Amino acid sequence: MLAKMTSKNQLTLPKSITAAVDAAEYFEVEARNGQIVLTPVRIQRGDAVRAKLAELGLQEQDIADAVQWVRQPPPAGMSHKE
């Protein structure tokens, strides 16, 4: 079966293929021996957030520091909305 890649590097997978693997919304993508391999992945929202944080290299302390910074009162004459 052929699938054409668009100019934006997008592919449309044939319905018969996605049906055969119990179609998922997300796929793990890897290049293996000159082939592109897609593996269906079931991601829960919390897992997606944790994956993005890991991708960005953010640690728990970074998040705690950001929350603490936001909770500080703004300097005199300013608000957080400015």
C-alpha atoms as a PDB file:
ATOM      1  CA  MET A   1       0.000   0.000   0.000  1.00  0.00           C
ATOM      2  CA  LEU A   2       1.305   3.474  -0.818  1.00  0.00           C
ATOM      3  CA  ALA A   3       1.019   6.608   1.293  1.00  0.00           C
ATOM      4  CA  LYS A   4       2.174   9.965  -0.053  1.00  0.00           C
ATOM      5  CA  MET A   5       4.092  12.430   2.131  1.00  0.00           C
ATOM      6  CA  THR A   6       2.927  16.043   1.774  1.00  0.00           C
ATOM      7  CA  SER A   7       5.190  19.077   1.590  1.00  0.00           C
ATOM      8  CA  LYS A   8       4.615  19.454   5.357  1.00  0.00           C
ATOM      9  CA  ASN A   9       5.925  15.929   6.071  1.00  0.00           C
ATOM     10  CA  GLN A  10       2.440  14.596   6.768  1.00  0.00           C
ATOM     11  CA  LEU A  11       1.179  11.130   5.895  1.00  0.00           C
ATOM     12  CA  THR A  12      -2.346   9.807   5.788  1.00  0.00           C
ATOM     13  CA  LEU A  13      -2.442   6.217   6.934  1.00  0.00           C
ATOM     14  CA  PRO A  14      -4.864   3.939   5.104  1.00  0.00           C
ATOM     15  CA  LYS A  15      -7.939   3.084   7.178  1.00  0.00           C
ATOM     16  CA  SER A  16      -7.349  -0.644   6.725  1.00  0.00           C
ATOM     17  CA  ILE A  17      -3.905  -0.265   8.325  1.00  0.00           C
ATOM     18  CA  THR A  18      -5.061   1.750  11.337  1.00  0.00           C
ATOM     19  CA  ALA A  19      -8.012  -0.607  11.819  1.00  0.00           C
ATOM     20  CA  ALA A  20      -5.616  -3.567  11.891  1.00  0.00           C
ATOM     21  CA  VAL A  21      -3.738  -2.104  14.871  1.00  0.00           C
ATOM     22  CA  ASP A  22      -6.727  -0.801  16.818  1.00  0.00           C
ATOM     23  CA  ALA A  23      -6.032   2.806  15.751  1.00  0.00           C
ATOM     24  CA  ALA A  24      -4.466   5.083  18.316  1.00  0.00           C
ATOM     25  CA  GLU A  25      -4.211   8.876  18.363  1.00  0.00           C
ATOM     26  CA  TYR A  26      -0.456   8.822  19.039  1.00  0.00           C
ATOM     27  CA  PHE A  27       2.347   6.766  17.554  1.00  0.00           C
ATOM     28  CA  GLU A  28       5.933   6.255  18.660  1.00  0.00           C
ATOM     29  CA  VAL A  29       8.051   6.993  15.576  1.00  0.00           C
ATOM     30  CA  GLU A  30      11.535   5.653  14.934  1.00  0.00           C
ATOM     31  CA  ALA A  31      13.868   5.075  12.028  1.00  0.00           C
ATOM     32  CA  ARG A  32      15.113   1.487  11.950  1.00  0.00           C
ATOM     33  CA  ASN A  33      17.347   0.056   9.229  1.00  0.00           C
ATOM     34  CA  GLY A  34      16.184   2.618   6.662  1.00  0.00           C
ATOM     35  CA  GLN A  35      12.503   2.183   7.523  1.00  0.00           C
ATOM     36  CA  ILE A  36      10.060   4.386   9.415  1.00  0.00           C
ATOM     37  CA  VAL A  37       8.382   2.365  12.146  1.00  0.00           C
ATOM     38  CA  LEU A  38       5.131   3.559  13.767  1.00  0.00           C
ATOM     39  CA  THR A  39       3.985   1.926  16.998  1.00  0.00           C
ATOM     40  CA  PRO A  40       0.546   2.830  18.388  1.00  0.00           C
ATOM     41  CA  VAL A  41       0.738   4.355  21.873  1.00  0.00           C
ATOM     42  CA  ARG A  42      -2.048   4.950  24.346  1.00  0.00           C
ATOM     43  CA  ILE A  43      -1.271   8.193  26.179  1.00  0.00           C
ATOM     44  CA  GLN A  44      -3.245   9.488  29.090  1.00  0.00           C
ATOM     45  CA  ARG A  45      -3.298  13.268  29.498  1.00  0.00           C
ATOM     46  CA  GLY A  46      -1.043  13.150  32.555  1.00  0.00           C
ATOM     47  CA  ASP A  47       1.449  11.019  30.635  1.00  0.00           C
ATOM     48  CA  ALA A  48       1.456  13.541  27.775  1.00  0.00           C
ATOM     49  CA  VAL A  49       2.226  16.389  30.194  1.00  0.00           C
ATOM     50  CA  ARG A  50       5.007  14.408  31.872  1.00  0.00           C
ATOM     51  CA  ALA A  51       6.470  13.500  28.471  1.00  0.00           C
ATOM     52  CA  LYS A  52       6.505  17.165  27.400  1.00  0.00           C
ATOM     53  CA  LEU A  53       8.148  18.234  30.671  1.00  0.00           C
ATOM     54  CA  ALA A  54      10.813  15.554  30.186  1.00  0.00           C
ATOM     55  CA  GLU A  55      11.317  16.657  26.576  1.00  0.00           C
ATOM     56  CA  LEU A  56      11.879  20.225  27.776  1.00  0.00           C
ATOM     57  CA  GLY A  57      14.230  19.044  30.524  1.00  0.00           C
ATOM     58  CA  LEU A  58      12.053  20.529  33.284  1.00  0.00           C
ATOM     59  CA  GLN A  59      12.362  19.061  36.760  1.00  0.00           C
ATOM     60  CA  GLU A  60       9.978  19.253  39.735  1.00  0.00           C
ATOM     61  CA  GLN A  61      12.094  22.027  41.266  1.00  0.00           C
ATOM     62  CA  ASP A  62      11.764  24.141  38.089  1.00  0.00           C
ATOM     63  CA  ILE A  63       7.985  23.933  38.362  1.00  0.00           C
ATOM     64  CA  ALA A  64       8.027  24.725  42.094  1.00  0.00           C
ATOM     65  CA  ASP A  65      10.270  27.743  41.419  1.00  0.00           C
ATOM     66  CA  ALA A  66       7.918  28.990  38.675  1.00  0.00           C
ATOM     67  CA  VAL A  67       4.857  28.638  40.925  1.00  0.00           C
ATOM     68  CA  GLN A  68       6.648  30.473  43.739  1.00  0.00           C
ATOM     69  CA  TRP A  69       7.652  33.281  41.346  1.00  0.00           C
ATOM     70  CA  VAL A  70       4.081  33.698  40.085  1.00  0.00           C
ATOM     71  CA  ARG A  71       2.697  33.822  43.616  1.00  0.00           C
ATOM     72  CA  GLN A  72       4.987  36.698  44.647  1.00  0.00           C
ATOM     73  CA  PRO A  73       3.236  40.040  45.012  1.00  0.00           C
ATOM     74  CA  PRO A  74       4.007  42.335  42.065  1.00  0.00           C
ATOM     75  CA  PRO A  75       6.352  45.303  42.579  1.00  0.00           C
ATOM     76  CA  ALA A  76       4.676  48.487  43.838  1.00  0.00           C
ATOM     77  CA  GLY A  77       2.637  50.163  41.121  1.00  0.00           C
ATOM     78  CA  MET A  78       2.534  47.084  38.844  1.00  0.00           C
ATOM     79  CA  SER A  79       0.266  44.095  38.459  1.00  0.00           C
ATOM     80  CA  HIS A  80       0.909  40.615  37.038  1.00  0.00           C
ATOM     81  CA  LYS A  81      -1.344  41.536  34.099  1.00  0.00           C
ATOM     82  CA  GLU A  82       1.116  44.126  32.759  1.00  0.00           C
END
